[in-house]
Amino acid sequence: MGKSRASDQLKAYYDTEQDILYLSFGTKAHEAVAEEVGNEVFVRFDPETQQVIDVEFLDFRARLQEAFGPQMKYLGTGRPERLLLPIGG
């Protein structure tokens, strides 16, 4: 595995009001170009180096529900099992 640099750090932030998940690579923000790479998925990158700055997933709750189903529930931090997913159909 390669060495980790400050610019390789991954940080996640979820905006509950806008329902957007942000994945940021690096420690400081700077100007970037955004491009839609999928259905409401945007990648921001440095136009000179082509290095990815962050990825934004719009309408994130619906994406989770589509991936895991409406039965997924958060059980709280006091429990060893954090997410409850139905097994089988």
C-alpha atoms as a PDB file:
ATOM      1  CA  MET A   1       0.000   0.000   0.000  1.00  0.00           C
ATOM      2  CA  GLY A   2       1.335   3.458  -0.883  1.00  0.00           C
ATOM      3  CA  LYS A   3       2.174   6.259   1.486  1.00  0.00           C
ATOM      4  CA  SER A   4      -0.653   8.571   2.497  1.00  0.00           C
ATOM      5  CA  ARG A   5      -0.185  12.255   1.759  1.00  0.00           C
ATOM      6  CA  ALA A   6      -2.295  15.126   3.087  1.00  0.00           C
ATOM      7  CA  SER A   7      -3.803  15.523  -0.383  1.00  0.00           C
ATOM      8  CA  ASP A   8      -4.907  11.858  -0.354  1.00  0.00           C
ATOM      9  CA  GLN A   9      -7.120  12.194   2.718  1.00  0.00           C
ATOM     10  CA  LEU A  10     -10.776  11.355   2.226  1.00  0.00           C
ATOM     11  CA  LYS A  11     -13.409  13.281   4.169  1.00  0.00           C
ATOM     12  CA  ALA A  12     -17.157  12.815   3.997  1.00  0.00           C
ATOM     13  CA  TYR A  13     -19.824  15.398   4.784  1.00  0.00           C
ATOM     14  CA  TYR A  14     -23.582  14.992   4.526  1.00  0.00           C
ATOM     15  CA  ASP A  15     -25.774  18.092   4.153  1.00  0.00           C
ATOM     16  CA  THR A  16     -29.136  17.050   5.624  1.00  0.00           C
ATOM     17  CA  GLU A  17     -31.029  20.083   4.342  1.00  0.00           C
ATOM     18  CA  GLN A  18     -29.849  19.756   0.740  1.00  0.00           C
ATOM     19  CA  ASP A  19     -29.635  15.920   0.884  1.00  0.00           C
ATOM     20  CA  ILE A  20     -26.141  15.874  -0.642  1.00  0.00           C
ATOM     21  CA  LEU A  21     -23.215  13.637   0.287  1.00  0.00           C
ATOM     22  CA  TYR A  22     -19.808  15.209  -0.323  1.00  0.00           C
ATOM     23  CA  LEU A  23     -16.604  13.164  -0.524  1.00  0.00           C
ATOM     24  CA  SER A  24     -13.560  15.441  -0.429  1.00  0.00           C
ATOM     25  CA  PHE A  25      -9.992  14.446  -1.256  1.00  0.00           C
ATOM     26  CA  GLY A  26      -7.411  16.698   0.359  1.00  0.00           C
ATOM     27  CA  THR A  27      -7.196  19.166   3.183  1.00  0.00           C
ATOM     28  CA  LYS A  28      -7.931  22.521   1.585  1.00  0.00           C
ATOM     29  CA  ALA A  29     -10.495  23.812  -0.867  1.00  0.00           C
ATOM     30  CA  HIS A  30      -9.502  25.450  -4.108  1.00  0.00           C
ATOM     31  CA  GLU A  31     -11.034  26.353  -7.430  1.00  0.00           C
ATOM     32  CA  ALA A  32     -12.129  23.448  -9.551  1.00  0.00           C
ATOM     33  CA  VAL A  33     -14.241  22.538 -12.556  1.00  0.00           C
ATOM     34  CA  ALA A  34     -17.392  20.462 -12.023  1.00  0.00           C
ATOM     35  CA  GLU A  35     -18.625  17.811 -14.418  1.00  0.00           C
ATOM     36  CA  GLU A  36     -21.698  15.601 -14.123  1.00  0.00           C
ATOM     37  CA  VAL A  37     -20.469  12.014 -14.461  1.00  0.00           C
ATOM     38  CA  GLY A  38     -23.727  10.242 -13.713  1.00  0.00           C
ATOM     39  CA  ASN A  39     -27.316  10.886 -12.748  1.00  0.00           C
ATOM     40  CA  GLU A  40     -26.865  13.803 -10.309  1.00  0.00           C
ATOM     41  CA  VAL A  41     -23.292  12.765  -9.444  1.00  0.00           C
ATOM     42  CA  PHE A  42     -20.749  15.543  -9.896  1.00  0.00           C
ATOM     43  CA  VAL A  43     -16.969  15.382  -9.844  1.00  0.00           C
ATOM     44  CA  ARG A  44     -14.988  18.556  -9.198  1.00  0.00           C
ATOM     45  CA  PHE A  45     -11.400  18.490 -10.410  1.00  0.00           C
ATOM     46  CA  ASP A  46      -8.398  20.738 -10.867  1.00  0.00           C
ATOM     47  CA  PRO A  47      -8.367  21.686 -14.582  1.00  0.00           C
ATOM     48  CA  GLU A  48      -4.559  21.837 -14.685  1.00  0.00           C
ATOM     49  CA  THR A  49      -3.672  18.563 -12.944  1.00  0.00           C
ATOM     50  CA  GLN A  50      -6.969  16.669 -13.496  1.00  0.00           C
ATOM     51  CA  GLN A  51      -6.798  15.707  -9.796  1.00  0.00           C
ATOM     52  CA  VAL A  52     -10.208  15.016  -8.238  1.00  0.00           C
ATOM     53  CA  ILE A  53     -11.078  17.537  -5.520  1.00  0.00           C
ATOM     54  CA  ASP A  54     -14.465  16.166  -4.466  1.00  0.00           C
ATOM     55  CA  VAL A  55     -17.471  14.112  -5.526  1.00  0.00           C
ATOM     56  CA  GLU A  56     -21.064  15.183  -4.813  1.00  0.00           C
ATOM     57  CA  PHE A  57     -24.046  12.805  -4.702  1.00  0.00           C
ATOM     58  CA  LEU A  58     -27.355  14.674  -4.949  1.00  0.00           C
ATOM     59  CA  ASP A  59     -30.613  13.157  -3.642  1.00  0.00           C
ATOM     60  CA  PHE A  60     -28.609  10.854  -1.388  1.00  0.00           C
ATOM     61  CA  ARG A  61     -31.502   9.452   0.723  1.00  0.00           C
ATOM     62  CA  ALA A  62     -33.210   8.104  -2.387  1.00  0.00           C
ATOM     63  CA  ARG A  63     -29.933   6.504  -3.500  1.00  0.00           C
ATOM     64  CA  LEU A  64     -29.619   4.697  -0.150  1.00  0.00           C
ATOM     65  CA  GLN A  65     -33.205   3.534  -0.296  1.00  0.00           C
ATOM     66  CA  GLU A  66     -32.718   2.279  -3.853  1.00  0.00           C
ATOM     67  CA  ALA A  67     -29.539   0.413  -2.862  1.00  0.00           C
ATOM     68  CA  PHE A  68     -30.723  -1.079   0.456  1.00  0.00           C
ATOM     69  CA  GLY A  69     -34.506  -0.867   0.378  1.00  0.00           C
ATOM     70  CA  PRO A  70     -36.956   1.031   2.575  1.00  0.00           C
ATOM     71  CA  GLN A  71     -36.512  -1.463   5.450  1.00  0.00           C
ATOM     72  CA  MET A  72     -33.042  -0.136   6.341  1.00  0.00           C
ATOM     73  CA  LYS A  73     -33.191   1.452   9.781  1.00  0.00           C
ATOM     74  CA  TYR A  74     -30.607   3.088  12.030  1.00  0.00           C
ATOM     75  CA  LEU A  75     -30.710   1.533  15.482  1.00  0.00           C
ATOM     76  CA  GLY A  76     -28.639   4.057  17.422  1.00  0.00           C
ATOM     77  CA  THR A  77     -25.069   4.302  18.609  1.00  0.00           C
ATOM     78  CA  GLY A  78     -25.587   2.323  21.792  1.00  0.00           C
ATOM     79  CA  ARG A  79     -26.110  -0.908  19.891  1.00  0.00           C
ATOM     80  CA  PRO A  80     -23.344  -3.053  18.381  1.00  0.00           C
ATOM     81  CA  GLU A  81     -25.310  -3.427  15.147  1.00  0.00           C
ATOM     82  CA  ARG A  82     -25.761   0.049  13.660  1.00  0.00           C
ATOM     83  CA  LEU A  83     -27.814  -0.719  10.576  1.00  0.00           C
ATOM     84  CA  LEU A  84     -30.552  -3.264  10.307  1.00  0.00           C
ATOM     85  CA  LEU A  85     -30.888  -4.689   6.823  1.00  0.00           C
ATOM     86  CA  PRO A  86     -33.422  -7.331   5.866  1.00  0.00           C
ATOM     87  CA  ILE A  87     -31.846 -10.659   4.912  1.00  0.00           C
ATOM     88  CA  GLY A  88     -33.345 -12.462   1.974  1.00  0.00           C
ATOM     89  CA  GLY A  89     -36.319 -11.105   0.015  1.00  0.00           C
END
